[in-house]
């Protein structure tokens, strides 16, 4: 009987501890997360994860690998410059999110439209150069992967918007 009570008490402590730990975690932000996404893209450019999606099912020749490295080297300094330029805004957005200040986040979102557009243009240019580094056969596969990736992004954004979660645009 004592063992049963001890086991029950231990189980309740574990469950209670998990509940307390979950309650102490910061709640998911309901404000726009675009600055965090922009920061991730600036850190990675077309980083390993995204490149894996864009080059899915493509076997690269040595020449293609060399061309891709040249493209990445071409865009690395530009990505680094944008990353440095964005640092203050990303830090301010992070602090506003932690405070739950959706008004400040919305203002930052609107204020950073030109920078986001600049980042998008740079990523698009890099993607076009990556495509150009491939053989025509691999370009067809690359185009299919890009289309599939864009569909997934659009689908995810639509689901997040309907659920009231993160989206590409701020909520009022």
Protein backbone atom coordinates (compact mmCIF):
# COMPACT_ATOMS: atom_id res chain seq x y z
CA UNK A 1 0.00 0.00 0.00
CA UNK A 2 2.85 2.40 0.82
CA UNK A 3 4.53 1.56 -2.51
CA UNK A 4 1.34 2.34 -4.40
CA UNK A 5 0.99 5.71 -2.67
CA UNK A 6 4.66 6.48 -3.33
CA UNK A 7 4.28 5.56 -6.98
CA UNK A 8 1.15 7.69 -7.31
CA UNK A 9 2.84 10.64 -5.60
CA UNK A 10 5.87 10.33 -7.87
CA UNK A 11 3.63 10.16 -10.93
CA UNK A 12 1.73 13.25 -9.84
CA UNK A 13 5.01 15.11 -9.30
CA UNK A 14 6.13 14.24 -12.81
CA UNK A 15 2.82 15.32 -14.34
CA UNK A 16 2.70 18.45 -12.20
CA UNK A 17 6.29 19.32 -13.06
CA UNK A 18 5.56 18.96 -16.75
CA UNK A 19 2.51 21.19 -16.41
CA UNK A 20 4.51 23.84 -14.56
CA UNK A 21 7.29 23.71 -17.14
CA UNK A 22 4.77 24.09 -19.95
CA UNK A 23 3.08 27.00 -18.18
CA UNK A 24 6.39 28.80 -17.68
CA UNK A 25 7.28 28.69 -21.36
CA UNK A 26 6.52 31.87 -23.21
CA UNK A 27 3.28 31.67 -25.16
CA UNK A 28 3.54 31.55 -28.93
CA UNK A 29 3.63 35.02 -30.37
CA UNK A 30 0.50 36.07 -32.17
CA UNK A 31 2.18 39.09 -33.75
CA UNK A 32 3.82 38.88 -37.17
CA UNK A 33 6.95 36.77 -37.31
CA UNK A 34 8.22 38.14 -40.61
CA UNK A 35 11.29 39.77 -39.11
CA UNK A 36 12.38 36.43 -37.70
CA UNK A 37 11.82 34.80 -41.09
CA UNK A 38 13.74 37.57 -42.83
CA UNK A 39 16.58 37.07 -40.38
CA UNK A 40 16.68 33.35 -41.10
CA UNK A 41 16.84 33.96 -44.83
CA UNK A 42 19.59 36.51 -44.37
CA UNK A 43 21.59 34.11 -42.20
CA UNK A 44 21.26 31.28 -44.64
CA UNK A 45 20.56 32.80 -48.03
CA UNK A 46 19.61 29.65 -49.80
CA UNK A 47 21.03 27.63 -46.93
CA UNK A 48 21.41 23.86 -46.71
CA UNK A 49 17.76 23.24 -45.89
CA UNK A 50 16.34 25.28 -48.76
CA UNK A 51 19.03 24.10 -51.19
CA UNK A 52 18.06 20.55 -50.27
CA UNK A 53 14.50 21.31 -51.38
CA UNK A 54 15.55 23.11 -54.55
CA UNK A 55 18.00 20.40 -55.59
CA UNK A 56 15.85 17.44 -54.57
CA UNK A 57 16.28 14.55 -57.00
CA UNK A 58 19.08 16.30 -58.89
CA UNK A 59 22.46 14.64 -59.27
CA UNK A 60 25.05 17.35 -59.82
CA UNK A 61 28.12 16.94 -61.99
CA UNK A 62 31.46 18.26 -60.76
CA UNK A 63 31.12 21.26 -63.09
CA UNK A 64 27.65 22.04 -61.72
CA UNK A 65 28.92 21.77 -58.15
CA UNK A 66 31.70 24.20 -58.98
CA UNK A 67 29.27 26.61 -60.65
CA UNK A 68 26.95 26.49 -57.62
CA UNK A 69 29.86 27.23 -55.26
CA UNK A 70 30.74 30.23 -57.42
CA UNK A 71 27.15 31.50 -57.24
CA UNK A 72 27.10 31.09 -53.46
CA UNK A 73 30.43 32.92 -53.16
CA UNK A 74 29.04 35.72 -55.33
CA UNK A 75 26.02 36.29 -53.07
CA UNK A 76 27.66 35.66 -49.67
CA UNK A 77 29.01 39.23 -49.21
CA UNK A 78 25.66 40.74 -50.22
CA UNK A 79 23.81 38.50 -47.76
CA UNK A 80 26.29 39.42 -45.03
CA UNK A 81 25.79 43.15 -45.72
CA UNK A 82 22.00 42.78 -45.54
CA UNK A 83 22.32 40.74 -42.36
CA UNK A 84 24.36 43.52 -40.73
CA UNK A 85 21.88 46.11 -41.98
CA UNK A 86 18.94 44.16 -40.49
CA UNK A 87 20.50 43.43 -37.09
CA UNK A 88 19.02 46.43 -35.22
CA UNK A 89 15.53 45.86 -36.64
CA UNK A 90 15.64 42.14 -35.89
CA UNK A 91 16.73 42.80 -32.32
CA UNK A 92 13.99 45.40 -31.85
CA UNK A 93 11.41 42.99 -33.28
CA UNK A 94 12.61 40.21 -30.99
CA UNK A 95 12.29 42.49 -27.97
CA UNK A 96 8.82 43.68 -29.05
CA UNK A 97 7.69 40.07 -29.51
CA UNK A 98 8.94 39.18 -26.05
CA UNK A 99 6.99 42.10 -24.62
CA UNK A 100 3.92 41.12 -26.64
CA UNK A 101 3.89 44.55 -28.31
CA UNK A 102 1.96 43.87 -31.50
CA UNK A 103 1.60 47.59 -32.28
CA UNK A 104 5.38 48.03 -32.41
CA UNK A 105 5.72 44.87 -34.52
CA UNK A 106 3.14 46.12 -37.00
CA UNK A 107 4.95 49.45 -37.28
CA UNK A 108 8.28 47.65 -37.83
CA UNK A 109 6.66 45.44 -40.46
CA UNK A 110 5.40 48.43 -42.41
CA UNK A 111 8.66 50.32 -42.01
CA UNK A 112 10.77 47.41 -43.27
CA UNK A 113 8.89 46.82 -46.53
CA UNK A 114 11.75 48.15 -48.67
CA UNK A 115 14.32 45.98 -46.89
CA UNK A 116 12.14 42.89 -47.25
CA UNK A 117 11.74 43.62 -50.95
CA UNK A 118 15.50 44.03 -51.29
CA UNK A 119 16.06 40.67 -49.60
CA UNK A 120 13.46 39.00 -51.81
CA UNK A 121 15.09 40.42 -54.93
CA UNK A 122 18.52 39.18 -53.82
CA UNK A 123 17.17 35.69 -53.10
CA UNK A 124 15.38 35.63 -56.46
CA UNK A 125 18.58 36.65 -58.24
CA UNK A 126 20.54 33.96 -56.41
CA UNK A 127 17.91 31.36 -57.32
CA UNK A 128 18.06 32.40 -60.98
CA UNK A 129 21.86 32.15 -60.97
CA UNK A 130 21.68 28.74 -59.28
CA UNK A 131 19.32 27.62 -62.02
CA UNK A 132 21.70 28.96 -64.65
CA UNK A 133 24.51 26.90 -63.14
CA UNK A 134 22.68 23.68 -64.04
CA UNK A 135 22.44 21.65 -67.21
CA UNK A 136 19.15 21.93 -69.16
CA UNK A 137 18.01 18.52 -67.88
CA UNK A 138 18.62 19.55 -64.27
CA UNK A 139 17.00 22.94 -64.86
CA UNK A 140 13.72 21.15 -65.60
CA UNK A 141 13.95 19.30 -62.28
CA UNK A 142 14.99 22.49 -60.49
CA UNK A 143 11.99 24.37 -61.93
CA UNK A 144 9.66 21.60 -60.76
CA UNK A 145 11.21 21.75 -57.27
CA UNK A 146 10.82 25.55 -57.16
CA UNK A 147 7.18 25.27 -58.18
CA UNK A 148 6.54 22.59 -55.54
CA UNK A 149 8.34 24.66 -52.90
CA UNK A 150 6.30 27.77 -53.74
CA UNK A 151 3.07 25.79 -53.55
CA UNK A 152 4.03 24.46 -50.12
CA UNK A 153 4.85 27.96 -48.90
CA UNK A 154 1.55 29.35 -50.23
CA UNK A 155 -0.38 26.44 -48.72
CA UNK A 156 1.33 26.88 -45.35
CA UNK A 157 0.70 30.64 -45.34
CA UNK A 158 -2.98 30.05 -46.13
CA UNK A 159 -3.37 27.51 -43.34
CA UNK A 160 -1.59 29.75 -40.82
CA UNK A 161 -3.76 32.70 -41.80
CA UNK A 162 -6.99 30.69 -41.44
CA UNK A 163 -5.93 29.34 -38.06
CA UNK A 164 -5.00 32.80 -36.81
CA UNK A 165 -1.35 31.90 -36.51
CA UNK A 166 1.68 33.37 -38.15
CA UNK A 167 1.32 34.84 -41.57
CA UNK A 168 3.25 36.82 -44.12
CA UNK A 169 1.27 39.94 -43.27
CA UNK A 170 0.52 41.53 -39.92
CA UNK A 171 -2.90 41.47 -38.41
CA UNK A 172 -4.63 44.68 -37.38
